[in-house]
Amino acid sequence: MRTGGETHSKHAKGSAAMAVLLLVLFLLLLTVASAFGLTADSRDSADWKPTIEGRRWRSRTC
């Protein structure tokens, strides 16, 4: 039974606000984790060449 106080536009605004709040909380969590050194960049370089202990792997064709 509806009491007349809830409309579709109020529900949509509440849903949008919750989505924005969850996004902000997720970004805040990532920021805090990064500040404590709990994140790592998994990319090796722009060309994705593999490394062994930080040294570039080079294929020898000769």
C-alpha atoms as a PDB file:
ATOM      1  CA  MET A   1       0.000   0.000   0.000  1.00  0.00           C
ATOM      2  CA  ARG A   2       1.369   3.387  -0.988  1.00  0.00           C
ATOM      3  CA  THR A   3       1.102   6.385   1.220  1.00  0.00           C
ATOM      4  CA  GLY A   4       1.724   8.869  -1.569  1.00  0.00           C
ATOM      5  CA  GLY A   5       5.054  10.158  -0.254  1.00  0.00           C
ATOM      6  CA  GLU A   6       7.310   8.149  -2.578  1.00  0.00           C
ATOM      7  CA  THR A   7       7.525   9.037  -6.245  1.00  0.00           C
ATOM      8  CA  HIS A   8       9.523   7.617  -9.110  1.00  0.00           C
ATOM      9  CA  SER A   9      11.753  10.710  -9.324  1.00  0.00           C
ATOM     10  CA  LYS A  10      12.659  10.471  -5.625  1.00  0.00           C
ATOM     11  CA  HIS A  11      13.550   6.797  -6.050  1.00  0.00           C
ATOM     12  CA  ALA A  12      15.708   7.565  -9.117  1.00  0.00           C
ATOM     13  CA  LYS A  13      17.533  10.370  -7.293  1.00  0.00           C
ATOM     14  CA  GLY A  14      18.188   8.070  -4.339  1.00  0.00           C
ATOM     15  CA  SER A  15      19.553   5.347  -6.615  1.00  0.00           C
ATOM     16  CA  ALA A  16      21.837   7.816  -8.415  1.00  0.00           C
ATOM     17  CA  ALA A  17      23.087   9.192  -5.105  1.00  0.00           C
ATOM     18  CA  MET A  18      23.845   5.657  -3.861  1.00  0.00           C
ATOM     19  CA  ALA A  19      25.755   4.843  -7.053  1.00  0.00           C
ATOM     20  CA  VAL A  20      27.864   7.996  -6.727  1.00  0.00           C
ATOM     21  CA  LEU A  21      28.469   7.266  -3.041  1.00  0.00           C
ATOM     22  CA  LEU A  22      29.648   3.718  -3.818  1.00  0.00           C
ATOM     23  CA  LEU A  23      31.979   5.023  -6.525  1.00  0.00           C
ATOM     24  CA  VAL A  24      33.473   7.614  -4.167  1.00  0.00           C
ATOM     25  CA  LEU A  25      33.945   4.992  -1.442  1.00  0.00           C
ATOM     26  CA  PHE A  26      35.653   2.623  -3.898  1.00  0.00           C
ATOM     27  CA  LEU A  27      38.037   5.353  -5.072  1.00  0.00           C
ATOM     28  CA  LEU A  28      38.741   6.299  -1.461  1.00  0.00           C
ATOM     29  CA  LEU A  29      39.524   2.670  -0.652  1.00  0.00           C
ATOM     30  CA  LEU A  30      41.956   2.499  -3.582  1.00  0.00           C
ATOM     31  CA  THR A  31      43.607   5.746  -2.461  1.00  0.00           C
ATOM     32  CA  VAL A  32      44.088   4.480   1.089  1.00  0.00           C
ATOM     33  CA  ALA A  33      45.417   1.123  -0.144  1.00  0.00           C
ATOM     34  CA  SER A  34      47.844   2.916  -2.442  1.00  0.00           C
ATOM     35  CA  ALA A  35      49.041   5.171   0.381  1.00  0.00           C
ATOM     36  CA  PHE A  36      49.868   2.102   2.465  1.00  0.00           C
ATOM     37  CA  GLY A  37      51.677   0.420  -0.441  1.00  0.00           C
ATOM     38  CA  LEU A  38      49.107  -2.329  -0.885  1.00  0.00           C
ATOM     39  CA  THR A  39      48.717  -1.771  -4.628  1.00  0.00           C
ATOM     40  CA  ALA A  40      51.125  -2.558  -7.434  1.00  0.00           C
ATOM     41  CA  ASP A  41      51.368  -1.677 -11.093  1.00  0.00           C
ATOM     42  CA  SER A  42      51.300  -4.948 -12.992  1.00  0.00           C
ATOM     43  CA  ARG A  43      52.348  -3.310 -16.263  1.00  0.00           C
ATOM     44  CA  ASP A  44      55.933  -3.891 -17.259  1.00  0.00           C
ATOM     45  CA  SER A  45      56.108  -1.199 -19.915  1.00  0.00           C
ATOM     46  CA  ALA A  46      54.092   0.246 -22.753  1.00  0.00           C
ATOM     47  CA  ASP A  47      55.172  -2.554 -25.073  1.00  0.00           C
ATOM     48  CA  TRP A  48      54.676  -5.329 -22.456  1.00  0.00           C
ATOM     49  CA  LYS A  49      58.128  -6.871 -22.893  1.00  0.00           C
ATOM     50  CA  PRO A  50      58.879  -9.416 -20.173  1.00  0.00           C
ATOM     51  CA  THR A  51      61.632  -8.881 -17.619  1.00  0.00           C
ATOM     52  CA  ILE A  52      63.656 -11.132 -15.372  1.00  0.00           C
ATOM     53  CA  GLU A  53      64.458  -9.413 -12.076  1.00  0.00           C
ATOM     54  CA  GLY A  54      63.947  -6.013 -13.696  1.00  0.00           C
ATOM     55  CA  ARG A  55      66.161  -6.678 -16.719  1.00  0.00           C
ATOM     56  CA  ARG A  56      64.739  -6.838 -20.209  1.00  0.00           C
ATOM     57  CA  TRP A  57      64.515 -10.250 -21.774  1.00  0.00           C
ATOM     58  CA  ARG A  58      66.012 -10.251 -25.252  1.00  0.00           C
ATOM     59  CA  SER A  59      65.517 -13.042 -27.715  1.00  0.00           C
ATOM     60  CA  ARG A  60      68.735 -14.056 -29.434  1.00  0.00           C
ATOM     61  CA  THR A  61      68.106 -15.094 -33.018  1.00  0.00           C
ATOM     62  CA  CYS A  62      71.787 -15.494 -33.923  1.00  0.00           C
END
